[in-house]
Amino acid sequence: MTSVMGMAEMILSETVKSTFKDAAHKLTGYRRRDFMAKVAEDYFNGSARKVETFMGWNRDSIQLGLHERRTGLICVDNYRGRGRHKSEILLPNLEADIRSLVDAQAQADPKFQSTFLYARITAYAVRVALVSQKNYDSEQLPSRQTIGAILNRMGYRLKKHKKPSP
């Protein structure tokens, strides 16, 4: 008698296998897990390990999909909780403190052609001022480049507006 692996290899040709992989690649979240679990149930007797070996899919995702199909409960992914949050979220007073330092050094475009303000202070100087005047710890503050990005998000530009040539 042939093994389940041999049966799956006979049933699933390379074109069917590539179609399954393409379909799984286009799906996301619980829909993808549900599809992978359905393939595992239909062709591999519900064995996540065999599906991993034959299809190359993640065994943990398949097992979670099988569990979701068995219980009827869908696990919710926390995509918002992933990654690094913006410095303004991690340090809630940072934006107000930067604004208080930069507003005294900012000027508007003389021709009012843009809504951005030209800041006559560098991002490095803002970082140094935050440490010395606002008592931030140098370790907790973002880098000079990040402070420059924060200034840009706040509507400040660190480069002077170019005068039109005659």
N, C-alpha and C. Protein backbone atom coordinates (compact mmCIF):
# COMPACT_ATOMS: atom_id res chain seq x y z
N MET A 1 0.86 -1.18 0.00
CA MET A 1 0.00 0.00 0.00
C MET A 1 0.90 1.24 0.00
N THR A 2 0.51 2.25 -0.75
CA THR A 2 1.33 3.46 -0.85
C THR A 2 1.07 4.36 0.35
N SER A 3 2.07 5.14 0.67
CA SER A 3 1.95 6.05 1.80
C SER A 3 1.10 7.26 1.42
N VAL A 4 0.73 8.04 2.41
CA VAL A 4 -0.06 9.25 2.17
C VAL A 4 0.74 10.22 1.32
N MET A 5 2.05 10.30 1.57
CA MET A 5 2.90 11.17 0.79
C MET A 5 2.89 10.76 -0.67
N GLY A 6 2.98 9.49 -0.93
CA GLY A 6 2.94 8.99 -2.30
C GLY A 6 1.59 9.27 -2.94
N MET A 7 0.51 9.15 -2.18
CA MET A 7 -0.83 9.44 -2.70
C MET A 7 -0.94 10.91 -3.07
N ALA A 8 -0.42 11.78 -2.20
CA ALA A 8 -0.49 13.22 -2.47
C ALA A 8 0.33 13.56 -3.71
N GLU A 9 1.47 12.90 -3.87
CA GLU A 9 2.30 13.17 -5.04
C GLU A 9 1.61 12.70 -6.31
N MET A 10 0.86 11.61 -6.23
CA MET A 10 0.14 11.13 -7.41
C MET A 10 -1.03 12.05 -7.73
N ILE A 11 -1.74 12.52 -6.70
CA ILE A 11 -2.92 13.35 -6.91
C ILE A 11 -2.53 14.77 -7.33
N LEU A 12 -1.50 15.32 -6.67
CA LEU A 12 -1.12 16.70 -6.91
C LEU A 12 0.03 16.76 -7.92
N SER A 13 -0.28 17.14 -9.12
CA SER A 13 0.78 17.33 -10.10
C SER A 13 1.49 18.65 -9.81
N GLU A 14 2.54 18.91 -10.52
CA GLU A 14 3.30 20.15 -10.30
C GLU A 14 2.46 21.38 -10.62
N THR A 15 1.58 21.30 -11.61
CA THR A 15 0.74 22.46 -11.93
C THR A 15 -0.27 22.72 -10.82
N VAL A 16 -0.86 21.67 -10.27
CA VAL A 16 -1.81 21.84 -9.17
C VAL A 16 -1.08 22.37 -7.94
N LYS A 17 0.10 21.84 -7.70
CA LYS A 17 0.91 22.29 -6.56
C LYS A 17 1.24 23.78 -6.70
N SER A 18 1.62 24.23 -7.90
CA SER A 18 1.95 25.64 -8.09
C SER A 18 0.70 26.51 -8.00
N THR A 19 -0.45 25.98 -8.42
CA THR A 19 -1.71 26.71 -8.28
C THR A 19 -2.06 26.90 -6.81
N PHE A 20 -1.91 25.85 -6.02
CA PHE A 20 -2.15 25.95 -4.57
C PHE A 20 -1.22 26.98 -3.94
N LYS A 21 0.04 26.93 -4.30
CA LYS A 21 1.01 27.87 -3.73
C LYS A 21 0.67 29.31 -4.12
N ASP A 22 0.27 29.50 -5.37
CA ASP A 22 -0.10 30.84 -5.83
C ASP A 22 -1.33 31.36 -5.09
N ALA A 23 -2.31 30.49 -4.92
CA ALA A 23 -3.53 30.89 -4.20
C ALA A 23 -3.21 31.23 -2.74
N ALA A 24 -2.38 30.43 -2.10
CA ALA A 24 -2.01 30.69 -0.70
C ALA A 24 -1.22 31.99 -0.59
N HIS A 25 -0.41 32.27 -1.59
CA HIS A 25 0.40 33.50 -1.57
C HIS A 25 -0.47 34.75 -1.69
N LYS A 26 -1.57 34.64 -2.42
CA LYS A 26 -2.45 35.79 -2.63
C LYS A 26 -3.39 36.05 -1.46
N LEU A 27 -3.59 35.07 -0.61
CA LEU A 27 -4.45 35.23 0.55
C LEU A 27 -3.63 35.73 1.74
N THR A 28 -4.30 36.32 2.72
CA THR A 28 -3.62 36.79 3.92
C THR A 28 -4.42 36.40 5.16
N GLY A 29 -3.74 36.41 6.30
CA GLY A 29 -4.39 36.22 7.59
C GLY A 29 -5.11 34.90 7.73
N TYR A 30 -6.30 34.95 8.33
CA TYR A 30 -7.03 33.71 8.62
C TYR A 30 -7.53 33.03 7.34
N ARG A 31 -7.75 33.80 6.27
CA ARG A 31 -8.17 33.17 5.01
C ARG A 31 -7.07 32.26 4.45
N ARG A 32 -5.85 32.74 4.57
CA ARG A 32 -4.71 31.92 4.10
C ARG A 32 -4.58 30.66 4.95
N ARG A 33 -4.66 30.83 6.27
CA ARG A 33 -4.56 29.67 7.15
C ARG A 33 -5.69 28.68 6.89
N ASP A 34 -6.89 29.20 6.63
CA ASP A 34 -8.03 28.32 6.36
C ASP A 34 -7.80 27.55 5.06
N PHE A 35 -7.28 28.21 4.04
CA PHE A 35 -7.01 27.54 2.77
C PHE A 35 -5.95 26.45 2.95
N MET A 36 -4.88 26.78 3.66
CA MET A 36 -3.81 25.80 3.87
C MET A 36 -4.32 24.62 4.69
N ALA A 37 -5.19 24.88 5.68
CA ALA A 37 -5.74 23.80 6.49
C ALA A 37 -6.69 22.93 5.65
N LYS A 38 -7.44 23.53 4.75
CA LYS A 38 -8.33 22.76 3.88
C LYS A 38 -7.52 21.84 2.96
N VAL A 39 -6.41 22.34 2.42
CA VAL A 39 -5.53 21.50 1.60
C VAL A 39 -4.98 20.36 2.45
N ALA A 40 -4.59 20.67 3.69
CA ALA A 40 -4.05 19.63 4.58
C ALA A 40 -5.10 18.57 4.87
N GLU A 41 -6.34 18.98 5.10
CA GLU A 41 -7.40 18.01 5.38
C GLU A 41 -7.73 17.16 4.15
N ASP A 42 -7.81 17.81 3.00
CA ASP A 42 -8.25 17.11 1.79
C ASP A 42 -7.19 16.18 1.20
N TYR A 43 -5.92 16.57 1.26
CA TYR A 43 -4.89 15.81 0.56
C TYR A 43 -3.84 15.16 1.45
N PHE A 44 -3.77 15.56 2.73
CA PHE A 44 -2.70 15.06 3.59
C PHE A 44 -3.21 14.53 4.93
N ASN A 45 -4.47 14.13 4.98
CA ASN A 45 -5.08 13.58 6.21
C ASN A 45 -4.91 14.50 7.42
N GLY A 46 -4.90 15.81 7.20
CA GLY A 46 -4.81 16.76 8.30
C GLY A 46 -3.44 16.84 8.94
N SER A 47 -2.39 16.39 8.27
CA SER A 47 -1.04 16.40 8.83
C SER A 47 -0.29 17.66 8.37
N ALA A 48 -0.06 18.56 9.30
CA ALA A 48 0.65 19.80 8.98
C ALA A 48 2.10 19.51 8.60
N ARG A 49 2.68 18.51 9.20
CA ARG A 49 4.08 18.15 8.91
C ARG A 49 4.25 17.69 7.45
N LYS A 50 3.30 16.90 6.97
CA LYS A 50 3.37 16.42 5.59
C LYS A 50 3.17 17.56 4.60
N VAL A 51 2.26 18.48 4.94
CA VAL A 51 2.03 19.64 4.07
C VAL A 51 3.29 20.50 4.02
N GLU A 52 3.93 20.67 5.17
CA GLU A 52 5.16 21.46 5.22
C GLU A 52 6.23 20.83 4.32
N THR A 53 6.37 19.53 4.39
CA THR A 53 7.38 18.83 3.59
C THR A 53 7.05 18.92 2.10
N PHE A 54 5.81 18.69 1.73
CA PHE A 54 5.44 18.60 0.32
C PHE A 54 5.23 19.98 -0.32
N MET A 55 4.57 20.91 0.39
CA MET A 55 4.23 22.21 -0.18
C MET A 55 5.20 23.32 0.21
N GLY A 56 5.93 23.13 1.31
CA GLY A 56 6.87 24.15 1.76
C GLY A 56 6.22 25.26 2.58
N TRP A 57 5.01 25.04 3.05
CA TRP A 57 4.32 26.03 3.86
C TRP A 57 4.74 25.90 5.32
N ASN A 58 4.49 26.95 6.09
CA ASN A 58 4.85 26.97 7.51
C ASN A 58 3.91 26.05 8.30
N ARG A 59 4.50 25.10 9.00
CA ARG A 59 3.73 24.11 9.76
C ARG A 59 2.90 24.76 10.86
N ASP A 60 3.44 25.77 11.52
CA ASP A 60 2.70 26.43 12.60
C ASP A 60 1.43 27.11 12.07
N SER A 61 1.53 27.74 10.90
CA SER A 61 0.35 28.37 10.31
C SER A 61 -0.70 27.33 9.94
N ILE A 62 -0.25 26.21 9.42
CA ILE A 62 -1.19 25.14 9.06
C ILE A 62 -1.86 24.58 10.31
N GLN A 63 -1.09 24.37 11.37
CA GLN A 63 -1.67 23.85 12.61
C GLN A 63 -2.68 24.84 13.19
N LEU A 64 -2.36 26.13 13.13
CA LEU A 64 -3.30 27.13 13.62
C LEU A 64 -4.56 27.13 12.76
N GLY A 65 -4.41 27.00 11.46
CA GLY A 65 -5.57 26.92 10.57
C GLY A 65 -6.42 25.70 10.85
N LEU A 66 -5.78 24.56 11.09
CA LEU A 66 -6.53 23.35 11.44
C LEU A 66 -7.29 23.54 12.75
N HIS A 67 -6.65 24.18 13.71
CA HIS A 67 -7.30 24.44 15.00
C HIS A 67 -8.49 25.39 14.81
N GLU A 68 -8.31 26.43 13.98
CA GLU A 68 -9.40 27.37 13.73
C GLU A 68 -10.58 26.67 13.05
N ARG A 69 -10.29 25.78 12.11
CA ARG A 69 -11.37 25.04 11.43
C ARG A 69 -12.08 24.10 12.40
N ARG A 70 -11.32 23.48 13.30
CA ARG A 70 -11.89 22.52 14.26
C ARG A 70 -12.78 23.21 15.28
N THR A 71 -12.34 24.38 15.79
CA THR A 71 -13.09 25.06 16.86
C THR A 71 -14.10 26.07 16.33
N GLY A 72 -13.87 26.58 15.13
CA GLY A 72 -14.75 27.61 14.61
C GLY A 72 -14.39 29.01 15.07
N LEU A 73 -13.35 29.13 15.88
CA LEU A 73 -12.88 30.43 16.36
C LEU A 73 -11.72 30.91 15.49
N ILE A 74 -11.75 32.19 15.15
CA ILE A 74 -10.69 32.76 14.32
C ILE A 74 -9.76 33.58 15.21
N CYS A 75 -8.47 33.30 15.11
CA CYS A 75 -7.48 34.06 15.86
C CYS A 75 -7.24 35.39 15.15
N VAL A 76 -7.30 36.47 15.90
CA VAL A 76 -7.13 37.80 15.33
C VAL A 76 -5.65 38.16 15.37
N ASP A 77 -5.13 38.64 14.24
CA ASP A 77 -3.74 39.06 14.17
C ASP A 77 -3.63 40.49 14.69
N ASN A 78 -2.54 40.79 15.36
CA ASN A 78 -2.30 42.12 15.90
C ASN A 78 -1.23 42.81 15.06
N TYR A 79 -1.58 43.17 13.83
CA TYR A 79 -0.59 43.80 12.95
C TYR A 79 -0.19 45.18 13.45
N ARG A 80 -1.11 45.90 14.09
CA ARG A 80 -0.78 47.24 14.59
C ARG A 80 0.25 47.18 15.72
N GLY A 81 0.29 46.08 16.42
CA GLY A 81 1.21 45.97 17.53
C GLY A 81 2.64 45.63 17.10
N ARG A 82 2.82 45.35 15.82
CA ARG A 82 4.14 44.97 15.33
C ARG A 82 4.95 46.20 14.96
N GLY A 83 6.25 46.02 14.95
CA GLY A 83 7.14 47.08 14.49
C GLY A 83 7.39 48.13 15.55
N ARG A 84 8.17 49.10 15.17
CA ARG A 84 8.53 50.19 16.07
C ARG A 84 7.55 51.34 15.86
N HIS A 85 7.07 51.90 16.95
CA HIS A 85 6.16 53.03 16.89
C HIS A 85 6.94 54.31 16.65
N LYS A 86 6.26 55.33 16.14
CA LYS A 86 6.90 56.62 15.90
C LYS A 86 7.35 57.21 17.23
N SER A 87 8.39 58.01 17.15
CA SER A 87 8.95 58.61 18.36
C SER A 87 7.94 59.52 19.05
N GLU A 88 7.05 60.14 18.28
CA GLU A 88 6.04 61.01 18.89
C GLU A 88 5.06 60.23 19.74
N ILE A 89 4.87 58.96 19.43
CA ILE A 89 3.97 58.12 20.24
C ILE A 89 4.71 57.63 21.49
N LEU A 90 5.98 57.26 21.31
CA LEU A 90 6.76 56.77 22.45
C LEU A 90 7.05 57.87 23.46
N LEU A 91 7.29 59.09 22.97
CA LEU A 91 7.55 60.24 23.84
C LEU A 91 6.46 61.28 23.57
N PRO A 92 5.37 61.27 24.34
CA PRO A 92 4.21 62.10 24.01
C PRO A 92 4.48 63.60 24.02
N ASN A 93 5.40 64.10 24.82
CA ASN A 93 5.67 65.53 24.89
C ASN A 93 6.71 65.99 23.88
N LEU A 94 7.28 65.08 23.13
CA LEU A 94 8.37 65.41 22.22
C LEU A 94 7.96 66.43 21.16
N GLU A 95 6.80 66.25 20.56
CA GLU A 95 6.37 67.16 19.51
C GLU A 95 6.16 68.57 20.04
N ALA A 96 5.54 68.72 21.20
CA ALA A 96 5.33 70.05 21.79
C ALA A 96 6.65 70.69 22.17
N ASP A 97 7.59 69.90 22.70
CA ASP A 97 8.89 70.45 23.07
C ASP A 97 9.69 70.88 21.84
N ILE A 98 9.62 70.10 20.78
CA ILE A 98 10.32 70.50 19.54
C ILE A 98 9.70 71.78 18.99
N ARG A 99 8.37 71.85 19.00
CA ARG A 99 7.70 73.06 18.49
C ARG A 99 8.09 74.29 19.29
N SER A 100 8.21 74.14 20.61
CA SER A 100 8.58 75.30 21.44
C SER A 100 10.01 75.75 21.15
N LEU A 101 10.88 74.82 20.79
CA LEU A 101 12.26 75.19 20.46
C LEU A 101 12.39 75.79 19.06
N VAL A 102 11.64 75.26 18.11
CA VAL A 102 11.82 75.64 16.71
C VAL A 102 11.00 76.86 16.32
N ASP A 103 9.87 77.10 16.96
CA ASP A 103 9.03 78.23 16.57
C ASP A 103 9.75 79.56 16.66
N ALA A 104 10.62 79.72 17.62
CA ALA A 104 11.38 80.97 17.75
C ALA A 104 12.40 81.12 16.62
N GLN A 105 12.78 80.02 16.01
CA GLN A 105 13.79 80.04 14.95
C GLN A 105 13.19 79.90 13.55
N ALA A 106 11.86 79.88 13.42
CA ALA A 106 11.22 79.59 12.13
C ALA A 106 10.75 80.86 11.47
N GLN A 107 10.75 80.84 10.14
CA GLN A 107 10.20 81.95 9.37
C GLN A 107 9.43 81.39 8.19
N ALA A 108 8.43 82.13 7.75
CA ALA A 108 7.59 81.68 6.65
C ALA A 108 8.25 82.03 5.32
N ASP A 109 7.75 81.41 4.28
CA ASP A 109 8.20 81.72 2.93
C ASP A 109 7.79 83.15 2.61
N PRO A 110 8.74 84.02 2.21
CA PRO A 110 8.40 85.43 1.98
C PRO A 110 7.32 85.64 0.93
N LYS A 111 7.24 84.78 -0.07
CA LYS A 111 6.24 84.93 -1.12
C LYS A 111 4.97 84.13 -0.82
N PHE A 112 4.94 83.42 0.30
CA PHE A 112 3.80 82.61 0.72
C PHE A 112 3.40 81.60 -0.36
N GLN A 113 4.40 81.01 -1.02
CA GLN A 113 4.14 80.03 -2.06
C GLN A 113 4.01 78.62 -1.48
N SER A 114 4.43 78.43 -0.24
CA SER A 114 4.27 77.13 0.39
C SER A 114 3.83 77.33 1.83
N THR A 115 3.26 76.28 2.39
CA THR A 115 2.78 76.37 3.76
C THR A 115 3.86 75.98 4.76
N PHE A 116 5.02 75.56 4.26
CA PHE A 116 6.08 75.12 5.15
C PHE A 116 6.82 76.31 5.74
N LEU A 117 7.34 76.09 6.93
CA LEU A 117 8.15 77.09 7.59
C LEU A 117 9.61 76.70 7.45
N TYR A 118 10.46 77.68 7.22
CA TYR A 118 11.89 77.44 7.15
C TYR A 118 12.45 77.54 8.57
N ALA A 119 13.06 76.47 9.03
CA ALA A 119 13.64 76.45 10.37
C ALA A 119 15.13 76.77 10.26
N ARG A 120 15.56 77.80 10.96
CA ARG A 120 16.96 78.19 10.91
C ARG A 120 17.79 77.45 11.95
N ILE A 121 17.33 76.32 12.34
CA ILE A 121 18.03 75.50 13.33
C ILE A 121 18.17 74.09 12.76
N THR A 122 19.27 73.46 13.01
CA THR A 122 19.49 72.13 12.47
C THR A 122 18.86 71.07 13.36
N ALA A 123 18.70 69.90 12.81
CA ALA A 123 18.14 68.79 13.59
C ALA A 123 19.08 68.42 14.74
N TYR A 124 20.38 68.49 14.50
CA TYR A 124 21.34 68.20 15.56
C TYR A 124 21.21 69.22 16.69
N ALA A 125 21.03 70.51 16.33
CA ALA A 125 20.87 71.55 17.36
C ALA A 125 19.57 71.35 18.14
N VAL A 126 18.54 70.87 17.48
CA VAL A 126 17.28 70.58 18.18
C VAL A 126 17.50 69.45 19.17
N ARG A 127 18.23 68.44 18.76
CA ARG A 127 18.50 67.30 19.64
C ARG A 127 19.30 67.73 20.86
N VAL A 128 20.33 68.55 20.63
CA VAL A 128 21.16 69.05 21.74
C VAL A 128 20.32 69.91 22.67
N ALA A 129 19.44 70.76 22.11
CA ALA A 129 18.58 71.62 22.93
C ALA A 129 17.58 70.80 23.74
N LEU A 130 17.09 69.72 23.18
CA LEU A 130 16.16 68.87 23.93
C LEU A 130 16.85 68.25 25.14
N VAL A 131 18.10 67.88 24.98
CA VAL A 131 18.85 67.30 26.10
C VAL A 131 19.15 68.36 27.14
N SER A 132 19.64 69.54 26.70
CA SER A 132 20.08 70.56 27.65
C SER A 132 18.94 71.36 28.25
N GLN A 133 17.94 71.74 27.45
CA GLN A 133 16.90 72.63 27.94
C GLN A 133 15.65 71.89 28.43
N LYS A 134 15.30 70.80 27.79
CA LYS A 134 14.07 70.09 28.15
C LYS A 134 14.33 68.83 28.98
N ASN A 135 15.58 68.60 29.35
CA ASN A 135 15.98 67.51 30.24
C ASN A 135 15.61 66.11 29.74
N TYR A 136 15.74 65.89 28.44
CA TYR A 136 15.57 64.55 27.90
C TYR A 136 16.87 63.78 28.07
N ASP A 137 16.75 62.49 28.23
CA ASP A 137 17.92 61.63 28.28
C ASP A 137 18.39 61.38 26.84
N SER A 138 19.67 61.51 26.61
CA SER A 138 20.21 61.34 25.27
C SER A 138 19.94 59.94 24.71
N GLU A 139 19.89 58.95 25.60
CA GLU A 139 19.64 57.57 25.17
C GLU A 139 18.21 57.37 24.65
N GLN A 140 17.24 58.07 25.25
CA GLN A 140 15.85 57.86 24.87
C GLN A 140 15.44 58.69 23.65
N LEU A 141 16.20 59.70 23.30
CA LEU A 141 15.86 60.53 22.15
C LEU A 141 16.20 59.83 20.85
N PRO A 142 15.43 60.10 19.80
CA PRO A 142 15.76 59.53 18.49
C PRO A 142 17.00 60.19 17.91
N SER A 143 17.49 59.62 16.84
CA SER A 143 18.71 60.13 16.20
C SER A 143 18.45 61.46 15.51
N ARG A 144 19.53 62.07 15.03
CA ARG A 144 19.45 63.35 14.32
C ARG A 144 18.57 63.21 13.08
N GLN A 145 18.73 62.12 12.34
CA GLN A 145 17.95 61.93 11.13
C GLN A 145 16.45 61.81 11.45
N THR A 146 16.13 61.12 12.53
CA THR A 146 14.73 60.96 12.91
C THR A 146 14.14 62.28 13.36
N ILE A 147 14.90 63.08 14.06
CA ILE A 147 14.42 64.40 14.47
C ILE A 147 14.18 65.26 13.23
N GLY A 148 15.05 65.14 12.22
CA GLY A 148 14.83 65.85 10.96
C GLY A 148 13.54 65.40 10.29
N ALA A 149 13.24 64.10 10.33
CA ALA A 149 11.99 63.58 9.76
C ALA A 149 10.78 64.08 10.54
N ILE A 150 10.91 64.17 11.86
CA ILE A 150 9.83 64.70 12.70
C ILE A 150 9.57 66.16 12.35
N LEU A 151 10.64 66.92 12.19
CA LEU A 151 10.49 68.33 11.81
C LEU A 151 9.79 68.46 10.46
N ASN A 152 10.12 67.60 9.53
CA ASN A 152 9.46 67.63 8.22
C ASN A 152 7.97 67.28 8.36
N ARG A 153 7.65 66.30 9.18
CA ARG A 153 6.24 65.94 9.39
C ARG A 153 5.46 67.05 10.06
N MET A 154 6.15 67.85 10.87
CA MET A 154 5.50 68.96 11.57
C MET A 154 5.36 70.19 10.69
N GLY A 155 5.89 70.16 9.47
CA GLY A 155 5.73 71.29 8.55
C GLY A 155 6.92 72.21 8.49
N TYR A 156 8.04 71.84 9.09
CA TYR A 156 9.25 72.65 9.04
C TYR A 156 10.17 72.10 7.95
N ARG A 157 10.86 72.98 7.27
CA ARG A 157 11.87 72.59 6.31
C ARG A 157 13.20 73.13 6.79
N LEU A 158 14.21 72.29 6.69
CA LEU A 158 15.51 72.66 7.21
C LEU A 158 16.39 73.33 6.17
N LYS A 159 15.90 73.44 4.94
CA LYS A 159 16.67 74.09 3.90
C LYS A 159 16.03 75.42 3.55
N LYS A 160 16.85 76.40 3.25
CA LYS A 160 16.37 77.71 2.89
C LYS A 160 15.67 77.65 1.53
N HIS A 161 14.63 78.45 1.38
CA HIS A 161 13.98 78.56 0.07
C HIS A 161 14.95 79.24 -0.87
N LYS A 162 15.08 78.71 -2.07
CA LYS A 162 16.00 79.30 -3.04
C LYS A 162 15.35 80.52 -3.66
N LYS A 163 16.15 81.58 -3.76
CA LYS A 163 15.64 82.80 -4.42
C LYS A 163 15.64 82.57 -5.92
N PRO A 164 14.65 83.09 -6.58
CA PRO A 164 14.66 82.95 -8.05
C PRO A 164 15.79 83.73 -8.66
N SER A 165 16.43 83.16 -9.66
CA SER A 165 17.54 83.86 -10.31
C SER A 165 16.99 84.88 -11.29
N PRO A 166 17.65 86.05 -11.44
CA PRO A 166 17.13 87.11 -12.32
C PRO A 166 17.19 86.76 -13.78
